[in-house]
Amino acid sequence: MFHAKLGLTIESTADILLNAAAWPVFDIAASAISFPFRYSDDEWTDLGALAIPQYPDARARLRAWAQGFVRSNPTDTLSLLKDLSVGVAERIRYQAREVEGTQSPIETLDRGWGSCRDFAVLFAEAARTFGFGARIVSGYLYNPDQGGVGSAGAGTTHAWAEVYVPGAGWITFDPTNRGVGGVNLIPVAVARDIRQAVPVSGSFVGATNAFRGLWVEVQVTS
């Protein structure tokens, strides 16, 4: 009798050209150097739901927490966003989490711990309470020396966020590692909600032990 072994293999290969600077200088428009500022009508239209909070917060707890990073009125826009990103890392303890799903911003604040995706969602949602357009980025952290938070190899799955600032465009913030700019980040997917950044979706019918494993290799060349 012949027994055939059937399996599902998904292979994805991508070549990405990155030119992020180690010490980026952001050419922010004069109208947006100080916060609060107003996006243009076209920017508001294009940003759409990216500038609207995605999680319920009836008591406005997240906005109240974010307001604690406003030093003055008006205040420097880039400094506010940097302080907010660093504030996430100072307020929340990093903890790797292999289970499916992402904590809501309020859950992360209440628990005081979270994974990189929880950090990214908390930062992006806090920025949205100010009216900033923000989006979630899913990809890899290239960290061969293992110095970054959450590293598990030269190429580690990672999540961070980007905020739109007129003139500069989308500015990368990695609240997990208190980073600004994407010199060591390899983006794969960008989404309004992290639930939209699922690489593979669907269903499988078969044995419960059919899953063999997941392998990821990231090679960076200059």
C-alpha atoms as a PDB file:
ATOM      1  CA  MET A   1       0.000   0.000   0.000  1.00  0.00           C
ATOM      2  CA  PHE A   2       1.319   3.466  -0.918  1.00  0.00           C
ATOM      3  CA  HIS A   3       0.905   6.339   1.540  1.00  0.00           C
ATOM      4  CA  ALA A   4       1.320   9.846   0.174  1.00  0.00           C
ATOM      5  CA  LYS A   5       2.265  12.711   2.448  1.00  0.00           C
ATOM      6  CA  LEU A   6       0.592  15.942   1.516  1.00  0.00           C
ATOM      7  CA  GLY A   7       1.775  19.288   2.786  1.00  0.00           C
ATOM      8  CA  LEU A   8       1.327  22.981   2.262  1.00  0.00           C
ATOM      9  CA  THR A   9       4.441  25.075   1.801  1.00  0.00           C
ATOM     10  CA  ILE A  10       4.329  28.829   1.380  1.00  0.00           C
ATOM     11  CA  GLU A  11       7.542  30.408   0.186  1.00  0.00           C
ATOM     12  CA  SER A  12       7.972  34.143  -0.106  1.00  0.00           C
ATOM     13  CA  THR A  13      11.122  35.866  -1.315  1.00  0.00           C
ATOM     14  CA  ALA A  14      11.480  39.640  -1.529  1.00  0.00           C
ATOM     15  CA  ASP A  15      14.358  41.936  -2.447  1.00  0.00           C
ATOM     16  CA  ILE A  16      14.027  45.332  -0.785  1.00  0.00           C
ATOM     17  CA  LEU A  17      16.269  48.323  -1.455  1.00  0.00           C
ATOM     18  CA  LEU A  18      16.638  50.513   1.627  1.00  0.00           C
ATOM     19  CA  ASN A  19      18.490  53.803   1.862  1.00  0.00           C
ATOM     20  CA  ALA A  20      17.562  55.004   5.356  1.00  0.00           C
ATOM     21  CA  ALA A  21      20.156  57.223   7.007  1.00  0.00           C
ATOM     22  CA  ALA A  22      21.596  56.370  10.414  1.00  0.00           C
ATOM     23  CA  TRP A  23      21.072  59.955  11.587  1.00  0.00           C
ATOM     24  CA  PRO A  24      18.144  61.299   9.533  1.00  0.00           C
ATOM     25  CA  VAL A  25      17.356  64.983   9.205  1.00  0.00           C
ATOM     26  CA  PHE A  26      13.665  65.643   8.630  1.00  0.00           C
ATOM     27  CA  ASP A  27      12.684  68.562   6.389  1.00  0.00           C
ATOM     28  CA  ILE A  28       9.505  69.444   8.232  1.00  0.00           C
ATOM     29  CA  ALA A  29       7.343  72.135   6.638  1.00  0.00           C
ATOM     30  CA  ALA A  30       7.418  75.492   8.392  1.00  0.00           C
ATOM     31  CA  SER A  31       3.683  75.231   9.060  1.00  0.00           C
ATOM     32  CA  ALA A  32       4.178  71.958  10.983  1.00  0.00           C
ATOM     33  CA  ILE A  33       7.340  72.641  12.985  1.00  0.00           C
ATOM     34  CA  SER A  34       5.248  73.534  16.030  1.00  0.00           C
ATOM     35  CA  PHE A  35       2.305  71.542  17.341  1.00  0.00           C
ATOM     36  CA  PRO A  36      -0.630  71.980  17.167  1.00  0.00           C
ATOM     37  CA  PHE A  37      -0.791  72.505  13.423  1.00  0.00           C
ATOM     38  CA  ARG A  38      -3.382  71.738  10.779  1.00  0.00           C
ATOM     39  CA  TYR A  39      -3.011  69.341   7.881  1.00  0.00           C
ATOM     40  CA  SER A  40      -4.016  70.735   4.507  1.00  0.00           C
ATOM     41  CA  ASP A  41      -7.415  69.732   3.113  1.00  0.00           C
ATOM     42  CA  ASP A  42      -5.751  67.318   0.669  1.00  0.00           C
ATOM     43  CA  GLU A  43      -3.679  65.762   3.465  1.00  0.00           C
ATOM     44  CA  TRP A  44      -6.788  65.279   5.604  1.00  0.00           C
ATOM     45  CA  THR A  45      -8.517  63.587   2.691  1.00  0.00           C
ATOM     46  CA  ASP A  46      -5.591  61.294   1.957  1.00  0.00           C
ATOM     47  CA  LEU A  47      -4.921  60.401   5.585  1.00  0.00           C
ATOM     48  CA  GLY A  48      -8.577  59.646   6.275  1.00  0.00           C
ATOM     49  CA  ALA A  49      -8.971  56.917   8.899  1.00  0.00           C
ATOM     50  CA  LEU A  50      -5.213  56.922   9.600  1.00  0.00           C
ATOM     51  CA  ALA A  51      -5.762  60.042  11.719  1.00  0.00           C
ATOM     52  CA  ILE A  52      -8.726  58.608  13.644  1.00  0.00           C
ATOM     53  CA  PRO A  53      -8.280  56.484  16.812  1.00  0.00           C
ATOM     54  CA  GLN A  54      -9.129  52.845  16.115  1.00  0.00           C
ATOM     55  CA  TYR A  55      -9.817  51.609  19.651  1.00  0.00           C
ATOM     56  CA  PRO A  56     -12.661  52.608  21.993  1.00  0.00           C
ATOM     57  CA  ASP A  57     -11.640  54.823  24.900  1.00  0.00           C
ATOM     58  CA  ALA A  58     -14.818  56.226  26.432  1.00  0.00           C
ATOM     59  CA  ARG A  59     -12.988  57.895  29.320  1.00  0.00           C
ATOM     60  CA  ALA A  60     -10.249  59.364  27.077  1.00  0.00           C
ATOM     61  CA  ARG A  61      -7.582  57.734  29.245  1.00  0.00           C
ATOM     62  CA  LEU A  62      -5.130  57.342  26.376  1.00  0.00           C
ATOM     63  CA  ARG A  63      -5.406  60.984  25.362  1.00  0.00           C
ATOM     64  CA  ALA A  64      -4.875  62.060  28.968  1.00  0.00           C
ATOM     65  CA  TRP A  65      -1.754  59.883  29.147  1.00  0.00           C
ATOM     66  CA  ALA A  66      -0.429  61.250  25.858  1.00  0.00           C
ATOM     67  CA  GLN A  67      -1.050  64.837  26.965  1.00  0.00           C
ATOM     68  CA  GLY A  68       1.570  64.332  29.651  1.00  0.00           C
ATOM     69  CA  PHE A  69       4.250  64.541  26.941  1.00  0.00           C
ATOM     70  CA  VAL A  70       3.212  68.016  25.767  1.00  0.00           C
ATOM     71  CA  ARG A  71       5.818  70.379  27.212  1.00  0.00           C
ATOM     72  CA  SER A  72       4.195  73.634  26.169  1.00  0.00           C
ATOM     73  CA  ASN A  73       1.579  75.114  23.870  1.00  0.00           C
ATOM     74  CA  PRO A  74       2.735  75.380  21.161  1.00  0.00           C
ATOM     75  CA  THR A  75       5.452  72.732  21.353  1.00  0.00           C
ATOM     76  CA  ASP A  76       8.040  71.327  18.944  1.00  0.00           C
ATOM     77  CA  THR A  77       6.343  68.691  16.776  1.00  0.00           C
ATOM     78  CA  LEU A  78       9.269  66.307  16.344  1.00  0.00           C
ATOM     79  CA  SER A  79      10.232  66.552  20.025  1.00  0.00           C
ATOM     80  CA  LEU A  80       6.663  65.687  21.020  1.00  0.00           C
ATOM     81  CA  LEU A  81       6.653  62.565  18.852  1.00  0.00           C
ATOM     82  CA  LYS A  82      10.110  61.506  20.073  1.00  0.00           C
ATOM     83  CA  ASP A  83       9.072  61.996  23.702  1.00  0.00           C
ATOM     84  CA  LEU A  84       5.901  59.993  23.091  1.00  0.00           C
ATOM     85  CA  SER A  85       7.872  57.127  21.524  1.00  0.00           C
ATOM     86  CA  VAL A  86      10.435  57.054  24.330  1.00  0.00           C
ATOM     87  CA  GLY A  87       7.630  57.382  26.859  1.00  0.00           C
ATOM     88  CA  VAL A  88       6.107  54.125  25.645  1.00  0.00           C
ATOM     89  CA  ALA A  89       9.375  52.282  26.308  1.00  0.00           C
ATOM     90  CA  GLU A  90       9.736  53.923  29.724  1.00  0.00           C
ATOM     91  CA  ARG A  91       6.142  53.217  30.772  1.00  0.00           C
ATOM     92  CA  ILE A  92       5.772  49.689  29.324  1.00  0.00           C
ATOM     93  CA  ARG A  93       7.984  46.683  30.049  1.00  0.00           C
ATOM     94  CA  TYR A  94       8.888  44.652  26.984  1.00  0.00           C
ATOM     95  CA  GLN A  95       7.798  41.030  27.004  1.00  0.00           C
ATOM     96  CA  ALA A  96       7.880  38.712  23.991  1.00  0.00           C
ATOM     97  CA  ARG A  97       4.489  37.203  23.282  1.00  0.00           C
ATOM     98  CA  GLU A  98       3.991  34.276  20.899  1.00  0.00           C
ATOM     99  CA  VAL A  99       0.218  34.103  21.248  1.00  0.00           C
ATOM    100  CA  GLU A 100      -1.983  35.458  18.498  1.00  0.00           C
ATOM    101  CA  GLY A 101      -3.472  38.928  18.689  1.00  0.00           C
ATOM    102  CA  THR A 102      -2.546  42.396  19.891  1.00  0.00           C
ATOM    103  CA  GLN A 103      -3.438  44.166  23.107  1.00  0.00           C
ATOM    104  CA  SER A 104      -5.507  47.323  22.947  1.00  0.00           C
ATOM    105  CA  PRO A 105      -3.694  50.491  24.028  1.00  0.00           C
ATOM    106  CA  ILE A 106      -5.658  50.632  27.290  1.00  0.00           C
ATOM    107  CA  GLU A 107      -4.857  46.984  28.034  1.00  0.00           C
ATOM    108  CA  THR A 108      -1.156  47.694  27.490  1.00  0.00           C
ATOM    109  CA  LEU A 109      -1.245  50.693  29.814  1.00  0.00           C
ATOM    110  CA  ASP A 110      -3.122  48.755  32.476  1.00  0.00           C
ATOM    111  CA  ARG A 111      -0.880  45.684  32.293  1.00  0.00           C
ATOM    112  CA  GLY A 112       2.343  47.638  32.025  1.00  0.00           C
ATOM    113  CA  TRP A 113       3.918  45.136  29.631  1.00  0.00           C
ATOM    114  CA  GLY A 114       3.676  44.194  25.985  1.00  0.00           C
ATOM    115  CA  SER A 115       5.428  42.997  22.851  1.00  0.00           C
ATOM    116  CA  CYS A 116       6.714  45.133  19.981  1.00  0.00           C
ATOM    117  CA  ARG A 117       3.321  45.065  18.259  1.00  0.00           C
ATOM    118  CA  ASP A 118       1.664  46.290  21.456  1.00  0.00           C
ATOM    119  CA  PHE A 119       4.238  49.097  21.687  1.00  0.00           C
ATOM    120  CA  ALA A 120       3.597  50.094  18.064  1.00  0.00           C
ATOM    121  CA  VAL A 121      -0.183  50.138  18.470  1.00  0.00           C
ATOM    122  CA  LEU A 122       0.024  52.134  21.710  1.00  0.00           C
ATOM    123  CA  PHE A 123       2.302  54.743  20.127  1.00  0.00           C
ATOM    124  CA  ALA A 124       0.289  55.059  16.912  1.00  0.00           C
ATOM    125  CA  GLU A 125      -3.009  55.324  18.742  1.00  0.00           C
ATOM    126  CA  ALA A 126      -1.593  57.908  21.169  1.00  0.00           C
ATOM    127  CA  ALA A 127      -0.361  59.972  18.196  1.00  0.00           C
ATOM    128  CA  ARG A 128      -3.837  59.768  16.671  1.00  0.00           C
ATOM    129  CA  THR A 129      -5.377  61.282  19.800  1.00  0.00           C
ATOM    130  CA  PHE A 130      -3.437  64.429  18.837  1.00  0.00           C
ATOM    131  CA  GLY A 131      -4.796  64.256  15.286  1.00  0.00           C
ATOM    132  CA  PHE A 132      -1.634  62.887  13.675  1.00  0.00           C
ATOM    133  CA  GLY A 133      -1.949  60.469  10.786  1.00  0.00           C
ATOM    134  CA  ALA A 134      -0.259  57.234  11.874  1.00  0.00           C
ATOM    135  CA  ARG A 135       0.137  53.739  10.481  1.00  0.00           C
ATOM    136  CA  ILE A 136       1.486  50.397  11.678  1.00  0.00           C
ATOM    137  CA  VAL A 137       4.460  48.757   9.967  1.00  0.00           C
ATOM    138  CA  SER A 138       5.258  45.047  10.151  1.00  0.00           C
ATOM    139  CA  GLY A 139       8.602  43.658   9.075  1.00  0.00           C
ATOM    140  CA  TYR A 140      11.984  42.655  10.432  1.00  0.00           C
ATOM    141  CA  LEU A 141      14.567  44.087  12.782  1.00  0.00           C
ATOM    142  CA  TYR A 142      18.044  43.594  11.338  1.00  0.00           C
ATOM    143  CA  ASN A 143      20.209  43.341  14.402  1.00  0.00           C
ATOM    144  CA  PRO A 144      23.195  41.004  13.960  1.00  0.00           C
ATOM    145  CA  ASP A 145      24.852  42.095  17.214  1.00  0.00           C
ATOM    146  CA  GLN A 146      21.680  41.282  19.211  1.00  0.00           C
ATOM    147  CA  GLY A 147      21.709  44.725  20.819  1.00  0.00           C
ATOM    148  CA  GLY A 148      18.096  45.653  20.109  1.00  0.00           C
ATOM    149  CA  VAL A 149      15.133  44.832  22.316  1.00  0.00           C
ATOM    150  CA  GLY A 150      13.256  41.787  21.072  1.00  0.00           C
ATOM    151  CA  SER A 151      16.126  40.382  19.019  1.00  0.00           C
ATOM    152  CA  ALA A 152      16.128  36.652  18.416  1.00  0.00           C
ATOM    153  CA  GLY A 153      18.526  36.502  15.475  1.00  0.00           C
ATOM    154  CA  ALA A 154      19.980  38.633  12.710  1.00  0.00           C
ATOM    155  CA  GLY A 155      16.495  39.063  11.267  1.00  0.00           C
ATOM    156  CA  THR A 156      13.678  39.183  13.831  1.00  0.00           C
ATOM    157  CA  THR A 157      10.010  39.796  13.127  1.00  0.00           C
ATOM    158  CA  HIS A 158       9.176  43.251  14.412  1.00  0.00           C
ATOM    159  CA  ALA A 159       6.522  45.953  14.431  1.00  0.00           C
ATOM    160  CA  TRP A 160       6.806  49.726  14.616  1.00  0.00           C
ATOM    161  CA  ALA A 161       4.899  52.813  13.470  1.00  0.00           C
ATOM    162  CA  GLU A 162       5.105  55.794  11.152  1.00  0.00           C
ATOM    163  CA  VAL A 163       3.627  59.262  11.616  1.00  0.00           C
ATOM    164  CA  TYR A 164       2.910  61.674   8.793  1.00  0.00           C
ATOM    165  CA  VAL A 165       4.397  65.150   9.234  1.00  0.00           C
ATOM    166  CA  PRO A 166       4.048  67.697   6.396  1.00  0.00           C
ATOM    167  CA  GLY A 167       7.281  68.280   4.516  1.00  0.00           C
ATOM    168  CA  ALA A 168       9.054  65.286   6.042  1.00  0.00           C
ATOM    169  CA  GLY A 169       6.398  62.760   5.022  1.00  0.00           C
ATOM    170  CA  TRP A 170       6.183  59.480   6.941  1.00  0.00           C
ATOM    171  CA  ILE A 171       8.618  59.445   9.856  1.00  0.00           C
ATOM    172  CA  THR A 172       9.558  56.063  11.346  1.00  0.00           C
ATOM    173  CA  PHE A 173       9.343  55.538  15.110  1.00  0.00           C
ATOM    174  CA  ASP A 174      10.354  52.301  16.827  1.00  0.00           C
ATOM    175  CA  PRO A 175       9.071  52.711  20.401  1.00  0.00           C
ATOM    176  CA  THR A 176      10.384  49.286  21.405  1.00  0.00           C
ATOM    177  CA  ASN A 177      13.982  50.400  20.800  1.00  0.00           C
ATOM    178  CA  ARG A 178      13.431  54.166  21.187  1.00  0.00           C
ATOM    179  CA  GLY A 179      14.511  54.637  17.584  1.00  0.00           C
ATOM    180  CA  VAL A 180      13.708  57.296  15.001  1.00  0.00           C
ATOM    181  CA  GLY A 181      14.320  56.509  11.332  1.00  0.00           C
ATOM    182  CA  GLY A 182      14.432  53.078   9.746  1.00  0.00           C
ATOM    183  CA  VAL A 183      18.135  52.338   9.329  1.00  0.00           C
ATOM    184  CA  ASN A 184      17.859  48.867  10.897  1.00  0.00           C
ATOM    185  CA  LEU A 185      14.229  48.162   9.994  1.00  0.00           C
ATOM    186  CA  ILE A 186      13.049  46.140   7.002  1.00  0.00           C
ATOM    187  CA  PRO A 187       9.384  46.968   6.250  1.00  0.00           C
ATOM    188  CA  VAL A 188       7.167  44.336   4.667  1.00  0.00           C
ATOM    189  CA  ALA A 189       3.618  45.582   5.246  1.00  0.00           C
ATOM    190  CA  VAL A 190       2.001  48.902   6.147  1.00  0.00           C
ATOM    191  CA  ALA A 191      -1.552  49.098   7.466  1.00  0.00           C
ATOM    192  CA  ARG A 192      -4.030  51.246   9.353  1.00  0.00           C
ATOM    193  CA  ASP A 193      -4.696  48.412  11.804  1.00  0.00           C
ATOM    194  CA  ILE A 194      -2.154  45.739  12.682  1.00  0.00           C
ATOM    195  CA  ARG A 195      -4.806  43.094  12.024  1.00  0.00           C
ATOM    196  CA  GLN A 196      -4.603  44.063   8.349  1.00  0.00           C
ATOM    197  CA  ALA A 197      -0.902  43.153   8.199  1.00  0.00           C
ATOM    198  CA  VAL A 198      -1.391  39.379   8.282  1.00  0.00           C
ATOM    199  CA  PRO A 199       0.947  37.765   5.711  1.00  0.00           C
ATOM    200  CA  VAL A 200      -1.188  34.647   5.246  1.00  0.00           C
ATOM    201  CA  SER A 201      -4.836  34.082   6.072  1.00  0.00           C
ATOM    202  CA  GLY A 202      -7.248  31.239   5.523  1.00  0.00           C
ATOM    203  CA  SER A 203      -8.066  27.860   7.006  1.00  0.00           C
ATOM    204  CA  PHE A 204      -6.553  24.389   7.097  1.00  0.00           C
ATOM    205  CA  VAL A 205      -8.217  21.023   7.519  1.00  0.00           C
ATOM    206  CA  GLY A 206      -6.023  18.207   8.757  1.00  0.00           C
ATOM    207  CA  ALA A 207      -4.145  16.771  11.682  1.00  0.00           C
ATOM    208  CA  THR A 208      -3.513  19.055  14.658  1.00  0.00           C
ATOM    209  CA  ASN A 209       0.220  18.264  14.528  1.00  0.00           C
ATOM    210  CA  ALA A 210       0.564  18.995  10.817  1.00  0.00           C
ATOM    211  CA  PHE A 211       2.387  22.278  11.315  1.00  0.00           C
ATOM    212  CA  ARG A 212       6.094  21.691  10.724  1.00  0.00           C
ATOM    213  CA  GLY A 213       7.479  25.131  11.456  1.00  0.00           C
ATOM    214  CA  LEU A 214       8.232  28.632  10.242  1.00  0.00           C
ATOM    215  CA  TRP A 215      11.649  29.670   8.983  1.00  0.00           C
ATOM    216  CA  VAL A 216      12.721  33.233   8.250  1.00  0.00           C
ATOM    217  CA  GLU A 217      16.080  34.287   6.860  1.00  0.00           C
ATOM    218  CA  VAL A 218      17.114  37.892   6.403  1.00  0.00           C
ATOM    219  CA  GLN A 219      20.288  38.762   4.517  1.00  0.00           C
ATOM    220  CA  VAL A 220      21.463  42.360   4.312  1.00  0.00           C
ATOM    221  CA  THR A 221      24.091  43.388   1.763  1.00  0.00           C
ATOM    222  CA  SER A 222      25.591  46.777   1.037  1.00  0.00           C
END
